Protein backbone atom coordinates (compact mmCIF):
# COMPACT_ATOMS: atom_id res chain seq x y z
CA MET A 1 11.36 -10.95 -3.09
CA HIS A 2 9.82 -11.00 -6.52
CA HIS A 3 11.26 -8.77 -9.19
CA SER A 4 7.87 -7.35 -9.94
CA ILE A 5 7.65 -5.79 -6.41
CA LEU A 6 9.90 -2.80 -5.87
CA HIS A 7 10.84 -1.50 -2.44
CA GLU A 8 12.24 1.87 -1.56
CA GLN A 9 13.25 2.54 1.98
CA ARG A 10 13.84 6.34 2.27
CA PRO A 11 16.12 7.88 4.84
CA ASP A 12 13.13 9.64 6.39
CA GLY A 13 11.62 6.32 7.35
CA VAL A 14 9.06 6.10 4.57
CA HIS A 15 8.80 2.61 2.92
CA ILE A 16 7.40 2.72 -0.62
CA ILE A 17 6.14 -0.38 -2.34
CA ARG A 18 5.45 -0.45 -6.05
CA PHE A 19 4.32 -3.19 -8.26
CA GLY A 20 6.57 -3.09 -11.30
CA PRO A 21 5.39 -2.62 -14.85
CA ASP A 22 6.29 -6.21 -15.71
CA LEU A 23 3.58 -7.53 -13.43
CA GLU A 24 0.61 -8.41 -15.50
CA ALA A 25 -1.79 -7.70 -12.67
CA GLY A 26 -4.82 -8.89 -14.45
CA SER A 27 -3.41 -12.33 -15.20
CA SER A 28 -3.80 -15.22 -12.88
CA GLN A 29 0.01 -15.41 -12.41
CA GLY A 30 0.06 -11.62 -11.60
CA GLN A 31 -2.79 -11.99 -9.16
CA GLN A 32 -0.89 -14.94 -7.43
CA ILE A 33 2.23 -12.87 -7.17
CA VAL A 34 0.24 -10.07 -5.41
CA ARG A 35 -1.64 -12.56 -3.09
CA ASP A 36 1.79 -14.21 -2.24
CA PHE A 37 3.36 -10.77 -1.57
CA PHE A 38 0.57 -9.57 0.76
CA GLY A 39 0.20 -13.09 2.38
CA LEU A 40 3.87 -13.91 2.87
CA GLU A 41 6.07 -10.72 2.72
CA PHE A 42 4.14 -7.59 3.25
CA LEU A 43 3.82 -7.71 7.07
CA SER A 44 7.52 -8.73 7.70
CA CYS A 45 8.96 -6.24 5.18
CA THR A 46 7.02 -3.31 6.65
CA MET A 47 7.35 -4.29 10.34
CA ASP A 48 9.80 -1.57 11.28
CA SER A 49 8.46 1.15 8.95
CA HIS A 50 6.74 4.26 10.51
CA CYS A 51 5.11 5.13 7.28
CA VAL A 52 4.24 2.89 4.35
CA ILE A 53 2.99 3.91 0.93
CA VAL A 54 1.68 1.07 -1.34
CA ASP A 55 1.29 1.94 -5.05
CA LEU A 56 -1.53 -0.14 -6.41
CA SER A 57 -1.59 1.43 -9.81
CA PRO A 58 -1.15 -1.80 -11.87
CA ILE A 59 -3.36 -3.86 -9.69
CA GLN A 60 -6.78 -4.69 -11.03
CA THR A 61 -8.36 -6.34 -7.90
CA LEU A 62 -7.48 -7.54 -4.41
CA ASP A 63 -9.03 -10.43 -2.46
CA SER A 64 -9.26 -10.99 1.22
CA SER A 65 -5.78 -12.59 1.32
CA SER A 66 -4.38 -9.31 0.31
CA LEU A 67 -6.73 -6.94 2.08
CA GLY A 68 -6.31 -8.72 5.52
CA PRO A 69 -2.58 -7.95 5.89
CA LEU A 70 -3.25 -4.37 4.72
CA VAL A 71 -5.85 -3.88 7.46
CA GLN A 72 -3.53 -5.52 10.06
CA ARG A 73 -0.60 -3.22 9.17
CA LEU A 74 -2.99 -0.14 9.10
CA ARG A 75 -4.04 -0.84 12.64
CA GLU A 76 -0.56 -1.53 13.93
CA LEU A 77 0.72 1.65 12.27
CA GLN A 78 -2.16 3.71 13.80
CA ASP A 79 -1.43 2.37 17.17
CA ARG A 80 2.15 3.57 16.72
CA HIS A 81 1.00 6.90 15.18
CA GLY A 82 2.40 5.90 11.90
CA ARG A 83 0.63 5.88 8.53
CA LEU A 84 -0.30 3.54 5.73
CA ILE A 85 -1.15 5.40 2.47
CA LEU A 86 -2.50 3.62 -0.62
CA CYS A 87 -2.32 5.17 -3.95
CA GLY A 88 -3.14 4.31 -7.59
CA LEU A 89 -6.51 2.78 -7.04
CA ASN A 90 -7.26 3.19 -10.72
CA ALA A 91 -8.92 -0.06 -11.74
CA PRO A 92 -12.75 0.12 -11.50
CA ALA A 93 -12.97 -3.32 -9.89
CA LEU A 94 -10.44 -2.23 -7.24
CA ARG A 95 -12.32 0.97 -6.54
CA GLU A 96 -15.60 -0.95 -6.19
CA ILE A 97 -14.05 -3.39 -3.72
CA PHE A 98 -12.89 -0.42 -1.58
CA ALA A 99 -16.26 1.20 -1.87
CA LEU A 100 -18.27 -1.96 -0.97
CA THR A 101 -16.10 -2.84 2.00
CA ARG A 102 -15.94 0.90 3.01
CA PHE A 103 -12.15 0.57 3.00
CA ASP A 104 -12.20 3.88 1.07
CA GLN A 105 -13.22 5.40 4.36
CA ILE A 106 -10.72 3.56 6.57
CA PHE A 107 -7.53 3.80 4.42
CA GLU A 108 -5.78 7.01 3.58
CA ILE A 109 -5.85 7.10 -0.28
CA SER A 110 -3.83 9.32 -2.50
CA ALA A 111 -3.82 9.67 -6.28
CA SER A 112 -0.03 8.95 -6.60
CA VAL A 113 3.16 8.21 -4.73
CA GLU A 114 4.16 11.79 -5.33
CA SER A 115 0.87 13.22 -3.81
CA ALA A 116 1.36 10.81 -0.81
CA LEU A 117 4.83 12.04 -0.14
CA ALA A 118 3.55 15.72 -0.54
CA ALA A 119 0.88 14.98 2.04
CA LEU A 120 3.39 13.50 4.42
CA ASP A 121 5.71 16.47 3.96
CA ASN A 122 2.96 18.89 4.72
CA ASP A 123 1.79 16.97 7.76
CA GLU A 124 5.31 16.79 9.11
CA ASP A 125 5.27 20.58 9.61
CA ASP A 126 2.54 19.98 12.23
CA TRP A 127 4.40 17.16 14.11
CA PRO A 128 5.85 17.90 17.42
CA SER A 129 9.72 18.04 17.40
């Protein structure tokens, strides 16, 4: 795995993926790292996770090679009653892509990893034991 992509597998089964501050997301090299991660690693590294949080805050844009695996994992998690939460959609181009594709209506989107975790904690109170 690339050093610019940080994984945290929490004891509660939540898998958090963050793109590191050393990733120059606007550069062509940074965009290739993001493409490679979603195309080659994302599905396999999140296969056994019940909940996945992806922090996109340093990301400027995503193309279909990145969005496709996100949609695939979202469907698989929904089939298993899991969750995929995206956060940090801060870049105007990224927000526009999500609005044009209506992915902002499909994906659960949170402002930050912390707010995504808080939403999970609140929702866990409603889960059957």
